[in-house]
Amino acid sequence: MTFRYQSKTIASIRDVDFDSKRVLVRIDGNSPIDSGRIMDDTRLRSHAETIRFLVASGASVVVMTHQGRPGDNDFIELEPHLRVLEKLVDAPVDYVDDIIGPEARRRIKRLGKGEVLLLDNTRILSEDYIEADMEKHASSIMVRKLAPLFDYYVNDAFAVSHRSQASIVGFPLVLPSTAGIIMEAEVTALSRAIEGDERPRIFILGGAKLSDAVKLVKSLFESKAADEILTTGLVSILFLIARGVSVERRVEETVKKKADDRLIVEARNLLAQGAPVRTPLDFLVEVNGHVEIAPASSMRGIPKDIGPSTLEYYRNKLRKAKIIVMRGPAGIIEDPRFRRGTIDLVKAVLESDAFSIFGGGHFNAIASSIPEALRARVGHISTGGGAMIYFLTRRPLPGLEALAASYERFFHWGGK
């Protein structure tokens, strides 16, 4: 059950007999941390399926992940992750506060069938915090020390596969390597969003990551992957400014802190070339502490959410869609007064007959406000932020490129 990434082939975890094999699996367990505690275990929970699959297949499983960045408050050792994994994985889970040292290697060698060992934070090693090509990482100390101990490598960390780091791209050149369950699901769903014949395809772009949004609009327009692009959040304000709509000075200043003049010019050029970008008709705005509805064409106050006319305008478009991708919230969802637009837009997506894909962050934040029957209609929730943008804009993802190279080296030519 291989699958395709662009024009390349990648081995699926389901392709391999892991019985009595020692497997190194890279996940993305990077989680929000407060006072040494994991505040949201969504990512670990998602990867548990891959770990359970390997355990059920009779493998000895060694898990590696990073947590935070050196110098940041969330850069910690991984005992909290062990406590979460113990609850999620139907197998004994052990932990070693080491990665490539003698103790880690000793524990890996003695690991029994169906057992799981969690290594410490990969970013303790500087090699896993630098970008280099896969050939260089394949000869790194991390890979040279660990690879001889394993039969297979599994990459389930889609969310960091746009990084060319040792634990992501080094092992596939020296070990037969497959995608994990999450990785395969991401590639399959996101490929469906930008390829194939299902039309119309509608993208909803919100939030405040303006550079990413403009890159995505450009790619979707040039590749003709999107039939319509509905904007919300600060993204919509950027395109309104690009259309020549006047906004309050402090609103314009907020946009310009995140988007220089070149980005605004690029947005203006995309509109002039016919990019199918739609902007809101109205907003919920805050004026002197009060919430009002204001038309987009003559807005005063600070826009904090889309308004009711915009919701109805967008809902009518979504009813006809076959594929919908929603990335970023429609408003300031941290404030209960400005969550409604995002919640109602998500409901409109799920009430349609379209295959739906959501960026995980904003969806997880409002999921409890969505009826369970509607949540069951979600097509795919992406674990990737930057990786999702890389994929949708057709930029190469080093982690996937490495898995494709491993397929050619070890599977295509009849290796292990």
Protein backbone atom coordinates (compact mmCIF):
# COMPACT_ATOMS: atom_id res chain seq x y z
CA MET A 1 0.00 0.00 0.00
CA THR A 2 2.45 2.61 -1.17
CA PHE A 3 1.09 6.12 -1.77
CA ARG A 4 2.09 9.12 -3.83
CA TYR A 5 3.66 12.41 -2.82
CA GLN A 6 3.65 14.67 -5.85
CA SER A 7 5.22 12.34 -8.46
CA LYS A 8 7.14 10.23 -5.93
CA THR A 9 6.33 6.97 -4.15
CA ILE A 10 6.46 6.52 -0.37
CA ALA A 11 6.13 3.27 1.55
CA SER A 12 3.22 2.97 3.94
CA ILE A 13 3.56 1.55 7.43
CA ARG A 14 1.12 -1.11 6.23
CA ASP A 15 3.65 -2.34 3.63
CA VAL A 16 6.04 -3.89 6.15
CA ASP A 17 6.12 -6.94 8.43
CA PHE A 18 7.44 -5.46 11.68
CA ASP A 19 7.22 -8.66 13.70
CA SER A 20 10.29 -9.00 15.96
CA LYS A 21 11.85 -5.91 14.36
CA ARG A 22 13.30 -2.92 16.17
CA VAL A 23 11.69 0.29 14.89
CA LEU A 24 12.63 3.94 15.44
CA VAL A 25 9.56 6.18 15.08
CA ARG A 26 9.76 9.97 14.91
CA ILE A 27 6.64 11.74 16.14
CA ASP A 28 5.84 15.38 16.79
CA GLY A 29 5.10 15.45 20.50
CA ASN A 30 5.84 19.18 20.78
CA SER A 31 3.08 20.34 23.13
CA PRO A 32 2.06 23.45 25.06
CA ILE A 33 3.79 23.38 28.46
CA ASP A 34 2.96 25.22 31.67
CA SER A 35 5.08 24.68 34.79
CA GLY A 36 6.41 21.43 33.36
CA ARG A 37 2.94 20.06 32.59
CA ILE A 38 1.46 19.26 29.17
CA MET A 39 -1.62 21.45 28.74
CA ASP A 40 -2.90 19.88 25.49
CA ASP A 41 -2.08 16.29 24.52
CA THR A 42 -3.69 16.46 21.04
CA ARG A 43 -0.48 15.74 19.15
CA LEU A 44 0.59 12.85 21.36
CA ARG A 45 -2.91 11.42 21.15
CA SER A 46 -2.82 11.54 17.34
CA HIS A 47 0.51 9.66 17.15
CA ALA A 48 -0.63 6.97 19.59
CA GLU A 49 -2.36 5.15 16.71
CA THR A 50 0.94 4.63 14.89
CA ILE A 51 2.68 3.44 18.07
CA ARG A 52 -0.16 1.03 18.86
CA PHE A 53 -0.03 -0.32 15.29
CA LEU A 54 3.68 -1.06 15.61
CA VAL A 55 3.23 -2.70 19.00
CA ALA A 56 0.38 -4.85 17.66
CA SER A 57 2.64 -5.82 14.74
CA GLY A 58 5.16 -7.30 17.17
CA ALA A 59 7.79 -4.55 16.93
CA SER A 60 10.10 -3.18 19.61
CA VAL A 61 9.36 0.53 19.37
CA VAL A 62 11.66 3.44 20.18
CA VAL A 63 9.98 6.86 20.07
CA MET A 64 11.80 10.13 19.46
CA THR A 65 10.44 13.67 19.46
CA HIS A 66 11.49 17.24 20.19
CA GLN A 67 9.93 19.62 22.69
CA GLY A 68 10.35 23.39 22.42
CA ARG A 69 13.49 25.24 21.41
CA PRO A 70 16.70 25.71 23.38
CA GLY A 71 16.36 28.73 25.64
CA ASP A 72 12.55 28.74 25.68
CA ASN A 73 10.42 27.90 28.71
CA ASP A 74 8.91 24.87 26.98
CA PHE A 75 12.31 23.32 26.23
CA ILE A 76 12.17 20.48 28.76
CA GLU A 77 13.02 16.83 29.23
CA LEU A 78 10.27 14.40 28.32
CA GLU A 79 9.04 12.79 31.56
CA PRO A 80 5.63 14.57 31.12
CA HIS A 81 5.31 13.03 27.65
CA LEU A 82 5.98 9.59 29.13
CA ARG A 83 3.07 9.98 31.54
CA VAL A 84 0.72 10.86 28.66
CA LEU A 85 1.94 8.07 26.37
CA GLU A 86 1.54 5.49 29.14
CA LYS A 87 -2.21 6.26 29.11
CA LEU A 88 -2.52 6.20 25.33
CA VAL A 89 -0.43 3.19 24.30
CA ASP A 90 -1.54 -0.33 25.14
CA ALA A 91 1.96 -1.49 26.01
CA PRO A 92 4.71 -0.99 28.59
CA VAL A 93 6.33 2.40 28.01
CA ASP A 94 9.74 3.25 29.44
CA TYR A 95 11.85 6.41 29.30
CA VAL A 96 15.56 7.16 29.19
CA ASP A 97 16.95 10.65 29.76
CA ASP A 98 19.46 10.10 26.97
CA ILE A 99 19.41 9.95 23.14
CA ILE A 100 22.65 8.57 21.70
CA GLY A 101 24.76 7.87 24.78
CA PRO A 102 25.71 4.46 26.21
CA GLU A 103 22.63 4.19 28.43
CA ALA A 104 20.23 4.94 25.57
CA ARG A 105 21.93 2.41 23.31
CA ARG A 106 21.97 -0.23 26.05
CA ARG A 107 18.24 0.24 26.70
CA ILE A 108 17.44 0.09 22.98
CA LYS A 109 19.36 -3.18 22.56
CA ARG A 110 17.54 -4.89 25.42
CA LEU A 111 14.05 -3.68 24.42
CA GLY A 112 11.60 -6.58 24.20
CA LYS A 113 8.98 -7.37 21.59
CA GLY A 114 5.88 -5.17 22.01
CA GLU A 115 7.68 -2.78 24.38
CA VAL A 116 8.06 0.98 23.91
CA LEU A 117 10.97 3.22 24.87
CA LEU A 118 10.80 7.03 24.76
CA LEU A 119 14.11 8.83 24.20
CA ASP A 120 14.79 12.30 25.57
CA ASN A 121 14.21 15.60 23.73
CA THR A 122 16.05 15.37 20.39
CA ARG A 123 16.90 19.07 20.48
CA ILE A 124 19.24 18.47 23.40
CA LEU A 125 21.54 17.53 20.52
CA SER A 126 22.53 20.55 18.44
CA GLU A 127 22.54 18.34 15.33
CA ASP A 128 18.76 18.19 15.51
CA TYR A 129 18.41 21.95 15.55
CA ILE A 130 20.30 22.78 12.37
CA GLU A 131 19.16 22.65 8.75
CA ALA A 132 21.28 20.64 6.31
CA ASP A 133 20.71 18.36 3.34
CA MET A 134 19.75 14.74 3.93
CA GLU A 135 23.13 13.37 2.83
CA LYS A 136 24.92 15.44 5.47
CA HIS A 137 22.45 14.45 8.17
CA ALA A 138 22.77 10.78 7.17
CA SER A 139 26.40 10.94 8.32
CA SER A 140 25.60 12.86 11.53
CA ILE A 141 26.61 11.50 14.92
CA MET A 142 22.95 10.93 15.84
CA VAL A 143 22.35 8.73 12.81
CA ARG A 144 25.68 6.92 13.01
CA LYS A 145 25.09 6.03 16.68
CA LEU A 146 21.43 4.98 16.41
CA ALA A 147 20.81 3.60 12.92
CA PRO A 148 22.79 0.33 13.41
CA LEU A 149 20.44 -0.55 16.29
CA PHE A 150 17.29 -0.55 14.14
CA ASP A 151 15.66 -2.48 11.33
CA TYR A 152 13.28 0.28 10.23
CA TYR A 153 12.57 3.99 10.65
CA VAL A 154 9.03 5.42 10.62
CA ASN A 155 8.33 9.14 10.19
CA ASP A 156 4.93 10.12 11.58
CA ALA A 157 5.89 13.77 12.23
CA PHE A 158 4.25 15.58 9.32
CA ALA A 159 4.16 18.86 11.26
CA VAL A 160 7.95 19.14 11.26
CA SER A 161 8.67 17.48 7.93
CA HIS A 162 9.25 20.87 6.31
CA ARG A 163 12.45 20.97 8.41
CA SER A 164 15.60 19.32 7.09
CA GLN A 165 16.90 18.14 10.47
CA ALA A 166 18.76 15.00 11.50
CA SER A 167 15.89 13.12 13.14
CA ILE A 168 13.66 13.88 10.12
CA VAL A 169 15.86 13.35 7.06
CA GLY A 170 18.99 11.52 8.25
CA PHE A 171 17.66 8.02 8.97
CA PRO A 172 15.76 7.32 5.70
CA LEU A 173 18.99 7.22 3.69
CA VAL A 174 20.46 4.46 5.84
CA LEU A 175 17.36 2.54 7.00
CA PRO A 176 14.28 1.24 5.16
CA SER A 177 11.73 3.90 6.06
CA THR A 178 7.97 4.31 5.88
CA ALA A 179 5.41 6.96 6.64
CA GLY A 180 3.37 6.55 9.80
CA ILE A 181 -0.43 6.60 9.93
CA ILE A 182 -0.68 10.35 10.60
CA MET A 183 1.87 11.16 7.90
CA GLU A 184 0.02 9.11 5.30
CA ALA A 185 -3.33 10.61 6.25
CA GLU A 186 -1.92 14.15 5.92
CA VAL A 187 -0.40 13.53 2.50
CA THR A 188 -3.52 11.78 1.20
CA ALA A 189 -5.93 14.48 2.43
CA LEU A 190 -3.85 17.48 1.39
CA SER A 191 -3.15 15.94 -2.03
CA ARG A 192 -6.90 15.64 -2.50
CA ALA A 193 -7.22 19.36 -1.74
CA ILE A 194 -4.97 20.51 -4.58
CA GLU A 195 -5.20 17.66 -7.11
CA GLY A 196 -7.91 15.63 -8.76
CA ASP A 197 -11.23 16.52 -10.38
CA GLU A 198 -13.46 17.31 -7.40
CA ARG A 199 -14.86 20.83 -7.96
CA PRO A 200 -15.55 23.43 -6.73
CA ARG A 201 -12.61 23.60 -4.31
CA ILE A 202 -12.94 26.39 -1.77
CA PHE A 203 -10.24 27.61 0.62
CA ILE A 204 -11.04 29.68 3.72
CA LEU A 205 -8.00 31.62 4.90
CA GLY A 206 -8.08 33.46 8.21
CA GLY A 207 -5.93 34.24 11.20
CA ALA A 208 -2.96 36.60 11.26
CA LYS A 209 -0.19 34.79 9.34
CA LEU A 210 -0.26 37.19 6.42
CA SER A 211 2.90 36.17 4.57
CA ASP A 212 1.81 32.52 4.54
CA ALA A 213 -1.66 33.51 3.34
CA VAL A 214 -0.40 35.57 0.41
CA LYS A 215 1.99 32.78 -0.64
CA LEU A 216 -0.88 30.33 -0.49
CA VAL A 217 -3.21 32.58 -2.52
CA LYS A 218 -0.47 33.00 -5.14
CA SER A 219 0.15 29.26 -5.39
CA LEU A 220 -3.54 28.35 -5.49
CA PHE A 221 -4.17 30.97 -8.18
CA GLU A 222 -1.22 30.03 -10.37
CA SER A 223 -1.94 26.31 -10.12
CA LYS A 224 -5.71 26.84 -10.53
CA ALA A 225 -6.18 24.61 -7.47
CA ALA A 226 -8.83 26.87 -5.89
CA ASP A 227 -12.13 27.95 -7.39
CA GLU A 228 -12.71 30.49 -4.63
CA ILE A 229 -10.69 31.78 -1.68
CA LEU A 230 -12.78 33.18 1.18
CA THR A 231 -10.83 35.42 3.55
CA THR A 232 -11.46 36.17 7.22
CA GLY A 233 -9.45 37.52 10.15
CA LEU A 234 -6.48 39.78 9.55
CA VAL A 235 -5.97 38.11 6.16
CA SER A 236 -9.24 39.69 4.97
CA ILE A 237 -8.18 43.13 6.24
CA LEU A 238 -4.96 42.85 4.22
CA PHE A 239 -6.91 42.12 1.03
CA LEU A 240 -9.44 44.86 1.78
CA ILE A 241 -6.58 47.34 2.08
CA ALA A 242 -5.18 45.94 -1.18
CA ARG A 243 -8.59 46.65 -2.77
CA GLY A 244 -8.34 50.26 -1.61
CA VAL A 245 -10.84 50.07 1.25
CA SER A 246 -10.11 52.57 4.03
CA VAL A 247 -9.69 51.29 7.58
CA GLU A 248 -8.80 53.06 10.81
CA ARG A 249 -5.15 53.99 11.15
CA ARG A 250 -4.55 51.64 14.09
CA VAL A 251 -6.03 48.74 12.09
CA GLU A 252 -3.76 49.54 9.15
CA GLU A 253 -0.80 49.79 11.52
CA THR A 254 -1.62 46.32 12.90
CA VAL A 255 -1.56 44.91 9.36
CA LYS A 256 1.68 46.67 8.49
CA LYS A 257 3.40 45.24 11.56
CA LYS A 258 2.86 41.82 10.01
CA ALA A 259 2.96 42.75 6.31
CA ASP A 260 5.40 45.16 4.70
CA ASP A 261 4.48 47.29 1.66
CA ARG A 262 5.76 44.62 -0.71
CA LEU A 263 3.26 42.09 0.65
CA ILE A 264 0.39 44.57 0.20
CA VAL A 265 1.56 45.25 -3.38
CA GLU A 266 1.69 41.50 -4.03
CA ALA A 267 -1.87 41.12 -2.69
CA ARG A 268 -2.98 44.01 -4.92
CA ASN A 269 -1.34 42.41 -7.96
CA LEU A 270 -3.01 39.07 -7.29
CA LEU A 271 -6.41 40.78 -7.18
CA ALA A 272 -5.66 42.68 -10.39
CA GLN A 273 -4.69 39.42 -12.12
CA GLY A 274 -8.03 37.87 -11.20
CA ALA A 275 -7.22 35.72 -8.18
CA PRO A 276 -10.60 34.47 -6.89
CA VAL A 277 -10.26 36.14 -3.48
CA ARG A 278 -13.47 37.07 -1.64
CA THR A 279 -13.51 39.52 1.25
CA PRO A 280 -16.12 40.02 3.99
CA LEU A 281 -19.19 42.21 3.56
CA ASP A 282 -19.29 43.16 7.23
CA PHE A 283 -17.54 42.70 10.56
CA LEU A 284 -18.21 42.64 14.25
CA VAL A 285 -16.18 45.61 15.48
CA GLU A 286 -15.29 46.89 18.91
CA VAL A 287 -15.91 50.60 19.44
CA ASN A 288 -15.07 52.02 22.87
CA GLY A 289 -15.67 48.62 24.47
CA HIS A 290 -18.99 48.04 22.67
CA VAL A 291 -19.62 45.47 19.93
CA GLU A 292 -21.26 46.69 16.72
CA ILE A 293 -21.86 45.42 13.18
CA ALA A 294 -20.07 47.52 10.57
CA PRO A 295 -20.02 47.23 6.77
CA ALA A 296 -16.59 46.44 5.36
CA SER A 297 -16.83 49.37 2.93
CA SER A 298 -17.15 52.01 5.68
CA MET A 299 -15.78 50.37 8.78
CA ARG A 300 -15.07 52.17 12.01
CA GLY A 301 -13.72 50.54 15.12
CA ILE A 302 -11.53 47.45 15.42
CA PRO A 303 -12.72 44.42 13.42
CA LYS A 304 -12.77 41.35 15.65
CA ASP A 305 -14.97 38.85 13.78
CA ILE A 306 -16.91 38.44 10.55
CA GLY A 307 -20.45 39.79 10.55
CA PRO A 308 -23.80 38.07 9.80
CA SER A 309 -23.98 39.17 6.13
CA THR A 310 -20.52 37.75 5.51
CA LEU A 311 -21.46 34.47 7.14
CA GLU A 312 -24.52 34.13 4.92
CA TYR A 313 -22.52 35.14 1.82
CA TYR A 314 -19.86 32.54 2.55
CA ARG A 315 -22.36 29.88 3.60
CA ASN A 316 -24.09 30.09 0.21
CA LYS A 317 -20.77 29.46 -1.54
CA LEU A 318 -19.84 26.55 0.73
CA ARG A 319 -23.10 24.72 -0.03
CA LYS A 320 -21.85 24.03 -3.57
CA ALA A 321 -18.30 22.94 -2.69
CA LYS A 322 -16.85 19.45 -3.11
CA ILE A 323 -13.59 20.20 -1.24
CA ILE A 324 -13.19 22.80 1.54
CA VAL A 325 -9.95 23.68 3.29
CA MET A 326 -10.21 26.01 6.30
CA ARG A 327 -7.08 27.45 7.86
CA GLY A 328 -7.11 30.03 10.64
CA PRO A 329 -9.92 31.50 12.75
CA ALA A 330 -12.39 34.11 11.50
CA GLY A 331 -12.06 36.26 14.61
CA ILE A 332 -10.42 36.73 17.99
CA ILE A 333 -11.61 33.39 19.35
CA GLU A 334 -9.90 33.94 22.71
CA ASP A 335 -12.68 36.49 23.44
CA PRO A 336 -16.10 34.78 23.76
CA ARG A 337 -17.73 37.78 22.07
CA PHE A 338 -15.82 37.06 18.87
CA ARG A 339 -15.92 33.25 18.58
CA ARG A 340 -19.28 33.04 16.85
CA GLY A 341 -18.02 33.67 13.32
CA THR A 342 -15.47 30.86 13.48
CA ILE A 343 -17.94 28.43 15.07
CA ASP A 344 -20.70 29.18 12.55
CA LEU A 345 -18.28 29.03 9.62
CA VAL A 346 -17.05 25.60 10.75
CA LYS A 347 -20.65 24.46 11.11
CA ALA A 348 -21.38 25.69 7.57
CA VAL A 349 -18.42 23.69 6.27
CA LEU A 350 -19.59 20.53 8.03
CA GLU A 351 -23.21 21.00 6.94
CA SER A 352 -22.09 20.99 3.31
CA ASP A 353 -21.51 17.80 1.33
CA ALA A 354 -17.82 18.67 0.84
CA PHE A 355 -14.76 16.75 2.00
CA SER A 356 -13.40 19.09 4.68
CA ILE A 357 -9.86 19.76 5.87
CA PHE A 358 -9.11 21.96 8.88
CA GLY A 359 -5.90 23.42 10.23
CA GLY A 360 -5.76 21.88 13.69
CA GLY A 361 -5.11 24.87 15.94
CA HIS A 362 -8.28 26.91 15.56
CA PHE A 363 -10.50 23.85 15.07
CA ASN A 364 -9.33 22.23 18.30
CA ALA A 365 -9.95 25.51 20.14
CA ILE A 366 -13.63 25.59 19.21
CA ALA A 367 -14.33 21.85 18.78
CA SER A 368 -16.33 21.62 22.01
CA SER A 369 -18.75 24.20 20.58
CA ILE A 370 -19.53 22.00 17.56
CA PRO A 371 -22.27 19.37 17.93
CA GLU A 372 -20.90 15.84 18.02
CA ALA A 373 -22.93 14.79 14.98
CA LEU A 374 -21.24 17.54 12.93
CA ARG A 375 -17.76 16.77 14.30
CA ALA A 376 -18.19 13.25 12.97
CA ARG A 377 -18.36 14.71 9.45
CA VAL A 378 -14.85 16.19 9.56
CA GLY A 379 -12.78 14.86 6.69
CA HIS A 380 -9.32 15.61 8.07
CA ILE A 381 -7.72 17.75 10.78
CA SER A 382 -4.14 18.65 9.90
CA THR A 383 -1.43 18.53 12.55
CA GLY A 384 0.80 20.74 10.40
CA GLY A 385 1.15 24.51 10.46
CA GLY A 386 4.12 25.46 8.36
CA ALA A 387 4.22 21.97 6.84
CA MET A 388 0.62 22.34 5.65
CA ILE A 389 1.52 25.63 3.92
CA TYR A 390 4.59 24.04 2.32
CA PHE A 391 2.46 21.19 1.02
CA LEU A 392 -0.39 23.33 -0.31
CA THR A 393 2.04 25.71 -2.02
CA ARG A 394 3.81 22.70 -3.58
CA ARG A 395 7.15 23.43 -1.96
CA PRO A 396 9.24 20.30 -1.27
CA LEU A 397 8.98 18.90 2.26
CA PRO A 398 12.39 17.44 3.19
CA GLY A 399 10.86 14.76 5.42
CA LEU A 400 8.75 13.45 2.55
CA GLU A 401 11.59 13.77 0.06
CA ALA A 402 13.72 11.61 2.40
CA LEU A 403 10.98 8.94 2.63
CA ALA A 404 10.71 8.89 -1.16
CA ALA A 405 14.50 8.48 -1.44
CA SER A 406 14.32 5.61 1.07
CA TYR A 407 11.63 3.88 -0.99
CA GLU A 408 13.84 4.01 -4.08
CA ARG A 409 16.87 2.77 -2.15
CA PHE A 410 15.36 -0.01 -0.04
CA PHE A 411 11.91 -1.01 -1.31
CA HIS A 412 11.77 -0.32 -5.02
CA TRP A 413 14.95 -2.29 -5.64
CA GLY A 414 14.02 -5.16 -3.38
CA GLY A 415 15.87 -4.20 -0.22
CA LYS A 416 14.88 -5.27 3.29
